[in-house]
PDB file of N, CA and C in Angstrom:
ATOM      1  N   UNK A   1      12.956 -22.470  -5.453  1.00  0.00           N
ATOM      2  CA  UNK A   1      13.642 -21.219  -5.203  1.00  0.00           C
ATOM      3  C   UNK A   1      12.710 -20.200  -4.563  1.00  0.00           C
ATOM      4  N   UNK A   2      11.492 -20.090  -5.100  1.00  0.00           N
ATOM      5  CA  UNK A   2      10.538 -19.119  -4.566  1.00  0.00           C
ATOM      6  C   UNK A   2      10.127 -19.468  -3.142  1.00  0.00           C
ATOM      7  N   UNK A   3      10.043 -20.735  -2.833  1.00  0.00           N
ATOM      8  CA  UNK A   3       9.678 -21.157  -1.475  1.00  0.00           C
ATOM      9  C   UNK A   3      10.730 -20.725  -0.459  1.00  0.00           C
ATOM     10  N   UNK A   4      12.000 -20.794  -0.849  1.00  0.00           N
ATOM     11  CA  UNK A   4      13.077 -20.361   0.046  1.00  0.00           C
ATOM     12  C   UNK A   4      13.019 -18.856   0.296  1.00  0.00           C
ATOM     13  N   UNK A   5      12.751 -18.109  -0.742  1.00  0.00           N
ATOM     14  CA  UNK A   5      12.644 -16.661  -0.601  1.00  0.00           C
ATOM     15  C   UNK A   5      11.463 -16.298   0.286  1.00  0.00           C
ATOM     16  N   UNK A   6      10.349 -16.986   0.118  1.00  0.00           N
ATOM     17  CA  UNK A   6       9.170 -16.714   0.949  1.00  0.00           C
ATOM     18  C   UNK A   6       9.465 -17.013   2.413  1.00  0.00           C
ATOM     19  N   UNK A   7      10.181 -18.081   2.696  1.00  0.00           N
ATOM     20  CA  UNK A   7      10.555 -18.396   4.076  1.00  0.00           C
ATOM     21  C   UNK A   7      11.476 -17.335   4.674  1.00  0.00           C
ATOM     22  N   UNK A   8      12.412 -16.844   3.883  1.00  0.00           N
ATOM     23  CA  UNK A   8      13.318 -15.801   4.361  1.00  0.00           C
ATOM     24  C   UNK A   8      12.552 -14.514   4.648  1.00  0.00           C
ATOM     25  N   UNK A   9      11.618 -14.167   3.777  1.00  0.00           N
ATOM     26  CA  UNK A   9      10.832 -12.944   3.975  1.00  0.00           C
ATOM     27  C   UNK A   9       9.899 -13.103   5.174  1.00  0.00           C
ATOM     28  N   UNK A  10       9.340 -14.296   5.383  1.00  0.00           N
ATOM     29  CA  UNK A  10       8.548 -14.551   6.595  1.00  0.00           C
ATOM     30  C   UNK A  10       9.384 -14.260   7.843  1.00  0.00           C
ATOM     31  N   UNK A  11      10.618 -14.730   7.848  1.00  0.00           N
ATOM     32  CA  UNK A  11      11.495 -14.510   9.002  1.00  0.00           C
ATOM     33  C   UNK A  11      11.801 -13.025   9.184  1.00  0.00           C
ATOM     34  N   UNK A  12      12.050 -12.320   8.095  1.00  0.00           N
ATOM     35  CA  UNK A  12      12.351 -10.895   8.189  1.00  0.00           C
ATOM     36  C   UNK A  12      11.161 -10.094   8.717  1.00  0.00           C
ATOM     37  N   UNK A  13       9.978 -10.420   8.238  1.00  0.00           N
ATOM     38  CA  UNK A  13       8.787  -9.718   8.717  1.00  0.00           C
ATOM     39  C   UNK A  13       8.516 -10.065  10.177  1.00  0.00           C
ATOM     40  N   UNK A  14       8.781 -11.311  10.561  1.00  0.00           N
ATOM     41  CA  UNK A  14       8.634 -11.695  11.963  1.00  0.00           C
ATOM     42  C   UNK A  14       9.575 -10.914  12.872  1.00  0.00           C
ATOM     43  N   UNK A  15      10.812 -10.733  12.437  1.00  0.00           N
ATOM     44  CA  UNK A  15      11.769  -9.944  13.219  1.00  0.00           C
ATOM     45  C   UNK A  15      11.316  -8.487  13.295  1.00  0.00           C
ATOM     46  N   UNK A  16      10.814  -7.956  12.199  1.00  0.00           N
ATOM     47  CA  UNK A  16      10.348  -6.563  12.223  1.00  0.00           C
ATOM     48  C   UNK A  16       9.129  -6.408  13.127  1.00  0.00           C
ATOM     49  N   UNK A  17       8.257  -7.418  13.180  1.00  0.00           N
ATOM     50  CA  UNK A  17       7.124  -7.359  14.104  1.00  0.00           C
ATOM     51  C   UNK A  17       7.590  -7.388  15.560  1.00  0.00           C
ATOM     52  N   UNK A  18       8.596  -8.184  15.851  1.00  0.00           N
ATOM     53  CA  UNK A  18       9.137  -8.210  17.215  1.00  0.00           C
ATOM     54  C   UNK A  18       9.773  -6.870  17.592  1.00  0.00           C
ATOM     55  N   UNK A  19      10.485  -6.263  16.652  1.00  0.00           N
ATOM     56  CA  UNK A  19      11.077  -4.950  16.929  1.00  0.00           C
ATOM     57  C   UNK A  19      10.006  -3.875  17.101  1.00  0.00           C
ATOM     58  N   UNK A  20       8.932  -3.979  16.332  1.00  0.00           N
ATOM     59  CA  UNK A  20       7.821  -3.035  16.505  1.00  0.00           C
ATOM     60  C   UNK A  20       7.138  -3.227  17.845  1.00  0.00           C
ATOM     61  N   UNK A  21       7.003  -4.470  18.268  1.00  0.00           N
ATOM     62  CA  UNK A  21       6.414  -4.735  19.578  1.00  0.00           C
ATOM     63  C   UNK A  21       7.282  -4.163  20.691  1.00  0.00           C
ATOM     64  N   UNK A  22       8.586  -4.271  20.526  1.00  0.00           N
ATOM     65  CA  UNK A  22       9.503  -3.684  21.508  1.00  0.00           C
ATOM     66  C   UNK A  22       9.333  -2.167  21.568  1.00  0.00           C
ATOM     67  N   UNK A  23       9.219  -1.519  20.409  1.00  0.00           N
ATOM     68  CA  UNK A  23       9.024  -0.068  20.377  1.00  0.00           C
ATOM     69  C   UNK A  23       7.663   0.301  20.953  1.00  0.00           C
ATOM     70  N   UNK A  24       6.673  -0.543  20.748  1.00  0.00           N
ATOM     71  CA  UNK A  24       5.346  -0.272  21.289  1.00  0.00           C
ATOM     72  C   UNK A  24       5.352  -0.345  22.815  1.00  0.00           C
ATOM     73  N   UNK A  25       6.076  -1.280  23.372  1.00  0.00           N
ATOM     74  CA  UNK A  25       6.101  -1.439  24.820  1.00  0.00           C
ATOM     75  C   UNK A  25       7.052  -0.462  25.512  1.00  0.00           C
ATOM     76  N   UNK A  26       8.203  -0.175  24.889  1.00  0.00           N
ATOM     77  CA  UNK A  26       9.240   0.609  25.545  1.00  0.00           C
ATOM     78  C   UNK A  26       9.296   2.038  25.017  1.00  0.00           C
ATOM     79  N   UNK A  27       8.522   2.360  23.993  1.00  0.00           N
ATOM     80  CA  UNK A  27       8.606   3.673  23.365  1.00  0.00           C
ATOM     81  C   UNK A  27       8.619   4.830  24.350  1.00  0.00           C
ATOM     82  N   UNK A  28       9.491   5.805  24.151  1.00  0.00           N
ATOM     83  CA  UNK A  28       9.602   6.880  25.138  1.00  0.00           C
ATOM     84  C   UNK A  28       8.406   7.828  25.162  1.00  0.00           C
ATOM     85  N   UNK A  29       7.677   7.915  24.079  1.00  0.00           N
ATOM     86  CA  UNK A  29       6.542   8.840  24.067  1.00  0.00           C
ATOM     87  C   UNK A  29       5.343   8.180  23.374  1.00  0.00           C
ATOM     88  N   UNK A  30       4.203   8.820  23.516  1.00  0.00           N
ATOM     89  CA  UNK A  30       2.972   8.281  22.929  1.00  0.00           C
ATOM     90  C   UNK A  30       3.012   8.306  21.400  1.00  0.00           C
ATOM     91  N   UNK A  31       3.513   9.374  20.750  1.00  0.00           N
ATOM     92  CA  UNK A  31       3.601   9.315  19.277  1.00  0.00           C
ATOM     93  C   UNK A  31       4.483   8.179  18.767  1.00  0.00           C
ATOM     94  N   UNK A  32       5.540   7.847  19.499  1.00  0.00           N
ATOM     95  CA  UNK A  32       6.363   6.698  19.100  1.00  0.00           C
ATOM     96  C   UNK A  32       5.571   5.405  19.162  1.00  0.00           C
ATOM     97  N   UNK A  33       4.741   5.276  20.171  1.00  0.00           N
ATOM     98  CA  UNK A  33       3.919   4.069  20.300  1.00  0.00           C
ATOM     99  C   UNK A  33       2.861   3.999  19.211  1.00  0.00           C
ATOM    100  N   UNK A  34       2.279   5.134  18.857  1.00  0.00           N
ATOM    101  CA  UNK A  34       1.295   5.152  17.770  1.00  0.00           C
ATOM    102  C   UNK A  34       1.959   4.777  16.446  1.00  0.00           C
ATOM    103  N   UNK A  35       3.139   5.306  16.207  1.00  0.00           N
ATOM    104  CA  UNK A  35       3.866   4.976  14.987  1.00  0.00           C
ATOM    105  C   UNK A  35       4.247   3.503  14.950  1.00  0.00           C
ATOM    106  N   UNK A  36       4.619   2.941  16.091  1.00  0.00           N
ATOM    107  CA  UNK A  36       4.942   1.509  16.148  1.00  0.00           C
ATOM    108  C   UNK A  36       3.708   0.665  15.856  1.00  0.00           C
ATOM    109  N   UNK A  37       2.557   1.069  16.387  1.00  0.00           N
ATOM    110  CA  UNK A  37       1.329   0.327  16.119  1.00  0.00           C
ATOM    111  C   UNK A  37       0.945   0.407  14.647  1.00  0.00           C
ATOM    112  N   UNK A  38       1.116   1.581  14.042  1.00  0.00           N
ATOM    113  CA  UNK A  38       0.818   1.735  12.618  1.00  0.00           C
ATOM    114  C   UNK A  38       1.770   0.888  11.776  1.00  0.00           C
ATOM    115  N   UNK A  39       3.018   0.817  12.162  1.00  0.00           N
ATOM    116  CA  UNK A  39       3.981  -0.005  11.439  1.00  0.00           C
ATOM    117  C   UNK A  39       3.672  -1.485  11.614  1.00  0.00           C
ATOM    118  N   UNK A  40       3.138  -1.852  12.773  1.00  0.00           N
ATOM    119  CA  UNK A  40       2.729  -3.248  12.965  1.00  0.00           C
ATOM    120  C   UNK A  40       1.576  -3.615  12.042  1.00  0.00           C
ATOM    121  N   UNK A  41       0.660  -2.675  11.820  1.00  0.00           N
ATOM    122  CA  UNK A  41      -0.411  -2.926  10.846  1.00  0.00           C
ATOM    123  C   UNK A  41       0.176  -3.197   9.467  1.00  0.00           C
ATOM    124  N   UNK A  42       1.124  -2.374   9.070  1.00  0.00           N
ATOM    125  CA  UNK A  42       1.715  -2.527   7.738  1.00  0.00           C
ATOM    126  C   UNK A  42       2.452  -3.862   7.626  1.00  0.00           C
ATOM    127  N   UNK A  43       3.176  -4.238   8.665  1.00  0.00           N
ATOM    128  CA  UNK A  43       3.877  -5.526   8.639  1.00  0.00           C
ATOM    129  C   UNK A  43       2.907  -6.698   8.634  1.00  0.00           C
ATOM    130  N   UNK A  44       1.798  -6.567   9.341  1.00  0.00           N
ATOM    131  CA  UNK A  44       0.783  -7.619   9.325  1.00  0.00           C
ATOM    132  C   UNK A  44       0.173  -7.759   7.934  1.00  0.00           C
ATOM    133  N   UNK A  45      -0.060  -6.643   7.293  1.00  0.00           N
ATOM    134  CA  UNK A  45      -0.580  -6.684   5.919  1.00  0.00           C
ATOM    135  C   UNK A  45       0.411  -7.406   5.000  1.00  0.00           C
ATOM    136  N   UNK A  46       1.683  -7.077   5.143  1.00  0.00           N
ATOM    137  CA  UNK A  46       2.701  -7.739   4.324  1.00  0.00           C
ATOM    138  C   UNK A  46       2.752  -9.232   4.613  1.00  0.00           C
ATOM    139  N   UNK A  47       2.598  -9.605   5.879  1.00  0.00           N
ATOM    140  CA  UNK A  47       2.614 -11.015   6.254  1.00  0.00           C
ATOM    141  C   UNK A  47       1.424 -11.762   5.657  1.00  0.00           C
ATOM    142  N   UNK A  48       0.251 -11.146   5.677  1.00  0.00           N
ATOM    143  CA  UNK A  48      -0.936 -11.792   5.117  1.00  0.00           C
ATOM    144  C   UNK A  48      -0.817 -11.927   3.599  1.00  0.00           C
ATOM    145  N   UNK A  49      -0.315 -10.904   2.939  1.00  0.00           N
ATOM    146  CA  UNK A  49      -0.140 -10.979   1.481  1.00  0.00           C
ATOM    147  C   UNK A  49       0.888 -12.045   1.125  1.00  0.00           C
ATOM    148  N   UNK A  50       1.953 -12.124   1.902  1.00  0.00           N
ATOM    149  CA  UNK A  50       2.969 -13.144   1.650  1.00  0.00           C
ATOM    150  C   UNK A  50       2.408 -14.544   1.862  1.00  0.00           C
ATOM    151  N   UNK A  51       1.575 -14.714   2.884  1.00  0.00           N
ATOM    152  CA  UNK A  51       0.952 -16.015   3.114  1.00  0.00           C
ATOM    153  C   UNK A  51       0.003 -16.368   1.961  1.00  0.00           C
ATOM    154  N   UNK A  52      -0.724 -15.379   1.461  1.00  0.00           N
ATOM    155  CA  UNK A  52      -1.585 -15.612   0.305  1.00  0.00           C
ATOM    156  C   UNK A  52      -0.799 -16.009  -0.930  1.00  0.00           C
ATOM    157  N   UNK A  53       0.372 -15.414  -1.101  1.00  0.00           N
ATOM    158  CA  UNK A  53       1.224 -15.787  -2.225  1.00  0.00           C
ATOM    159  C   UNK A  53       1.733 -17.218  -2.075  1.00  0.00           C
ATOM    160  N   UNK A  54       2.077 -17.592  -0.854  1.00  0.00           N
ATOM    161  CA  UNK A  54       2.599 -18.949  -0.663  1.00  0.00           C
ATOM    162  C   UNK A  54       1.508 -20.006  -0.814  1.00  0.00           C
ATOM    163  N   UNK A  55       0.268 -19.667  -0.463  1.00  0.00           N
ATOM    164  CA  UNK A  55      -0.848 -20.605  -0.612  1.00  0.00           C
ATOM    165  C   UNK A  55      -1.443 -20.578  -2.021  1.00  0.00           C
ATOM    166  N   UNK A  56      -1.186 -19.523  -2.761  1.00  0.00           N
ATOM    167  CA  UNK A  56      -1.678 -19.431  -4.126  1.00  0.00           C
ATOM    168  C   UNK A  56      -3.152 -19.082  -4.233  1.00  0.00           C
ATOM    169  N   UNK A  57      -3.668 -18.343  -3.270  1.00  0.00           N
ATOM    170  CA  UNK A  57      -5.068 -17.944  -3.295  1.00  0.00           C
ATOM    171  C   UNK A  57      -5.175 -16.433  -3.139  1.00  0.00           C
ATOM    172  N   UNK A  58      -6.238 -15.876  -3.693  1.00  0.00           N
ATOM    173  CA  UNK A  58      -6.434 -14.428  -3.651  1.00  0.00           C
ATOM    174  C   UNK A  58      -7.325 -13.992  -2.490  1.00  0.00           C
ATOM    175  N   UNK A  59      -7.785 -14.929  -1.691  1.00  0.00           N
ATOM    176  CA  UNK A  59      -8.670 -14.602  -0.579  1.00  0.00           C
ATOM    177  C   UNK A  59      -7.961 -13.745   0.466  1.00  0.00           C
ATOM    178  N   UNK A  60      -6.693 -13.982   0.679  1.00  0.00           N
ATOM    179  CA  UNK A  60      -5.945 -13.258   1.702  1.00  0.00           C
ATOM    180  C   UNK A  60      -5.690 -11.804   1.315  1.00  0.00           C
ATOM    181  N   UNK A  61      -5.736 -11.492   0.040  1.00  0.00           N
ATOM    182  CA  UNK A  61      -5.546 -10.113  -0.382  1.00  0.00           C
ATOM    183  C   UNK A  61      -6.717  -9.244   0.067  1.00  0.00           C
ATOM    184  N   UNK A  62      -7.908  -9.803   0.066  1.00  0.00           N
ATOM    185  CA  UNK A  62      -9.072  -9.059   0.556  1.00  0.00           C
ATOM    186  C   UNK A  62      -8.972  -8.828   2.061  1.00  0.00           C
ATOM    187  N   UNK A  63      -8.484  -9.816   2.791  1.00  0.00           N
ATOM    188  CA  UNK A  63      -8.289  -9.652   4.235  1.00  0.00           C
ATOM    189  C   UNK A  63      -7.239  -8.574   4.509  1.00  0.00           C
ATOM    190  N   UNK A  64      -6.191  -8.538   3.715  1.00  0.00           N
ATOM    191  CA  UNK A  64      -5.162  -7.512   3.875  1.00  0.00           C
ATOM    192  C   UNK A  64      -5.717  -6.125   3.589  1.00  0.00           C
ATOM    193  N   UNK A  65      -6.597  -6.023   2.624  1.00  0.00           N
ATOM    194  CA  UNK A  65      -7.229  -4.739   2.314  1.00  0.00           C
ATOM    195  C   UNK A  65      -8.104  -4.268   3.468  1.00  0.00           C
ATOM    196  N   UNK A  66      -8.848  -5.180   4.069  1.00  0.00           N
ATOM    197  CA  UNK A  66      -9.679  -4.817   5.217  1.00  0.00           C
ATOM    198  C   UNK A  66      -8.833  -4.364   6.401  1.00  0.00           C
ATOM    199  N   UNK A  67      -7.743  -5.052   6.663  1.00  0.00           N
ATOM    200  CA  UNK A  67      -6.860  -4.662   7.758  1.00  0.00           C
ATOM    201  C   UNK A  67      -6.223  -3.304   7.459  1.00  0.00           C
ATOM    202  N   UNK A  68      -5.894  -3.033   6.217  1.00  0.00           N
ATOM    203  CA  UNK A  68      -5.324  -1.731   5.856  1.00  0.00           C
ATOM    204  C   UNK A  68      -6.320  -0.603   6.123  1.00  0.00           C
ATOM    205  N   UNK A  69      -7.581  -0.819   5.767  1.00  0.00           N
ATOM    206  CA  UNK A  69      -8.588   0.221   6.015  1.00  0.00           C
ATOM    207  C   UNK A  69      -8.807   0.427   7.503  1.00  0.00           C
ATOM    208  N   UNK A  70      -8.902  -0.651   8.263  1.00  0.00           N
ATOM    209  CA  UNK A  70      -9.089  -0.522   9.709  1.00  0.00           C
ATOM    210  C   UNK A  70      -7.876   0.120  10.378  1.00  0.00           C
ATOM    211  N   UNK A  71      -6.693  -0.206   9.912  1.00  0.00           N
ATOM    212  CA  UNK A  71      -5.483   0.392  10.463  1.00  0.00           C
ATOM    213  C   UNK A  71      -5.420   1.888  10.226  1.00  0.00           C
ATOM    214  N   UNK A  72      -5.809   2.318   9.031  1.00  0.00           N
ATOM    215  CA  UNK A  72      -5.796   3.743   8.731  1.00  0.00           C
ATOM    216  C   UNK A  72      -6.805   4.498   9.591  1.00  0.00           C
ATOM    217  N   UNK A  73      -8.011   3.973   9.681  1.00  0.00           N
ATOM    218  CA  UNK A  73      -9.059   4.637  10.455  1.00  0.00           C
ATOM    219  C   UNK A  73      -8.686   4.677  11.934  1.00  0.00           C
ATOM    220  N   UNK A  74      -8.141   3.595  12.457  1.00  0.00           N
ATOM    221  CA  UNK A  74      -7.784   3.589  13.875  1.00  0.00           C
ATOM    222  C   UNK A  74      -6.621   4.533  14.166  1.00  0.00           C
ATOM    223  N   UNK A  75      -5.661   4.643  13.269  1.00  0.00           N
ATOM    224  CA  UNK A  75      -4.558   5.579  13.474  1.00  0.00           C
ATOM    225  C   UNK A  75      -5.050   7.014  13.472  1.00  0.00           C
ATOM    226  N   UNK A  76      -5.941   7.332  12.553  1.00  0.00           N
ATOM    227  CA  UNK A  76      -6.501   8.684  12.510  1.00  0.00           C
ATOM    228  C   UNK A  76      -7.301   8.966  13.770  1.00  0.00           C
ATOM    229  N   UNK A  77      -8.068   8.001  14.241  1.00  0.00           N
ATOM    230  CA  UNK A  77      -8.878   8.200  15.447  1.00  0.00           C
ATOM    231  C   UNK A  77      -8.002   8.403  16.678  1.00  0.00           C
ATOM    232  N   UNK A  78      -6.948   7.628  16.818  1.00  0.00           N
ATOM    233  CA  UNK A  78      -6.071   7.770  17.983  1.00  0.00           C
ATOM    234  C   UNK A  78      -5.326   9.100  17.940  1.00  0.00           C
ATOM    235  N   UNK A  79      -4.866   9.514  16.768  1.00  0.00           N
ATOM    236  CA  UNK A  79      -4.175  10.797  16.657  1.00  0.00           C
ATOM    237  C   UNK A  79      -5.114  11.955  16.950  1.00  0.00           C
ATOM    238  N   UNK A  80      -6.339  11.870  16.465  1.00  0.00           N
ATOM    239  CA  UNK A  80      -7.306  12.927  16.752  1.00  0.00           C
ATOM    240  C   UNK A  80      -7.644  12.969  18.234  1.00  0.00           C
ATOM    241  N   UNK A  81      -7.713  11.825  18.874  1.00  0.00           N
ATOM    242  CA  UNK A  81      -7.970  11.776  20.309  1.00  0.00           C
ATOM    243  C   UNK A  81      -6.817  12.420  21.082  1.00  0.00           C
ATOM    244  N   UNK A  82      -5.592  12.177  20.662  1.00  0.00           N
ATOM    245  CA  UNK A  82      -4.446  12.767  21.349  1.00  0.00           C
ATOM    246  C   UNK A  82      -4.398  14.284  21.170  1.00  0.00           C
ATOM    247  N   UNK A  83      -4.791  14.758  19.996  1.00  0.00           N
ATOM    248  CA  UNK A  83      -4.722  16.199  19.740  1.00  0.00           C
ATOM    249  C   UNK A  83      -5.845  16.957  20.453  1.00  0.00           C
ATOM    250  N   UNK A  84      -7.059  16.434  20.439  1.00  0.00           N
ATOM    251  CA  UNK A  84      -8.213  17.193  20.931  1.00  0.00           C
ATOM    252  C   UNK A  84      -8.795  16.664  22.228  1.00  0.00           C
ATOM    253  N   UNK A  85      -8.549  15.437  22.556  1.00  0.00           N
ATOM    254  CA  UNK A  85      -9.126  14.874  23.765  1.00  0.00           C
ATOM    255  C   UNK A  85     -10.444  14.164  23.525  1.00  0.00           C
ATOM    256  N   UNK A  86     -11.018  14.313  22.343  1.00  0.00           N
ATOM    257  CA  UNK A  86     -12.219  13.589  21.970  1.00  0.00           C
ATOM    258  C   UNK A  86     -12.171  13.274  20.479  1.00  0.00           C
ATOM    259  N   UNK A  87     -12.955  12.302  20.067  1.00  0.00           N
ATOM    260  CA  UNK A  87     -12.932  11.896  18.663  1.00  0.00           C
ATOM    261  C   UNK A  87     -14.044  12.586  17.894  1.00  0.00           C
ATOM    262  N   UNK A  88     -15.226  12.616  18.482  1.00  0.00           N
ATOM    263  CA  UNK A  88     -16.381  13.235  17.822  1.00  0.00           C
ATOM    264  C   UNK A  88     -16.669  14.560  18.524  1.00  0.00           C
ATOM    265  N   UNK A  89     -16.800  15.601  17.722  1.00  0.00           N
ATOM    266  CA  UNK A  89     -17.032  16.926  18.296  1.00  0.00           C
ATOM    267  C   UNK A  89     -18.494  17.142  18.592  1.00  0.00           C
TER     268      UNK A  89
END
């Protein structure tokens, strides 16, 4: 039963990643594209955690944590670049 649910959730996250990619490519403005990229990070984290659950190992949770930290820092850096034109003052 759990294997079927994991497969369904894999498919749902895959569809959400495709929709985020569409918003990233076609987004009408730059903030929409930044938000789509940030949402792709979150979906990737969910995908990695789900894969770790299906494999039964905790190694993937550490990888998801690293991607979460990098995603947060990169989103802040891109937003600061858009607001000020530079990252480091």
